[in-house]
Each structure stands twice: as C-alpha cells, then as structure tokens.
Amino acid sequence: MSRTRRVAVTSPQTRLAHAHRRASGPWRTPRLDAAESARALSLYRRQRRPALLTLAGLLTLLCGLPVVFTLLPGLDQVRVGGIPLSWLMLGVLPFPVMVLLAAWQLRRAEEIEDDR
C-alpha cells in the first residue's frame, strides 16, 4: 500500500486575507471633511428619535408579553386549533410585529437620508 502525501488545502482568499493582514498597518477610519461631518451628525440626530421609538416598541413587545401572561392566566385555557392561545401569542405574535417594526425603521431612516 503506497502512502500518499497529505497536503493542507486552503482557500486562495484565506491566504490573501492573511497576507493582507500581515502587510498592512492598523486600519484607520477615513476622516470626513467639514461638510460631510456636519451632514453625518445631522442624519444621526434626525434618525435617533425613530430608532428610539423602534427600540421602545421592541422592548414593549418583549417585556409586555410576560406581563400579559401574568395578568391574564386564563389565556392558557383558551385554545385555538388545539393550541393554547398564550403559546400562539408567544410563538407567532412577536415575529410579524418585529418585521413591521424593522420595516418602519428602515423606511423612516431612508426617508430621512433622502430629505438631506
């Protein structure tokens, strides 16, 4: 039985990434000129309120469900298709609401960026 030589196989992209990492110095953030810096700061300030509203909605959803379950323990007795309503609320309700929150946040951020 002849032994074949074992060779380590690596992606060419991996080798390039490692070579680039060794060759270059520390990465530095590009500096913005005064006009771009002012615009970026303005966008940041204008997008902060919708972002905080989205975050508040998410926290209300995620922290509100346990409160609802505590205040309404009878939700376990209500069944929809043989599944307790509380389980459906916990397993199904958050995801469409989070998608709607994300879509609203994205649309609002794009509107703010387009207004300039």
Foldseek 3Di string as FASTA:
>chain_A
DDDDDDDDDDDPVVVVVVVVVVPDDDDDDDDDPPVVVVVVVVLCVVLPVLVVVLVVVLCCLVVVLVVVCVVCVCQQVDDDPNHRNSVCCVPPVNPVVNVVSVVVSVVVSVVSVVVD
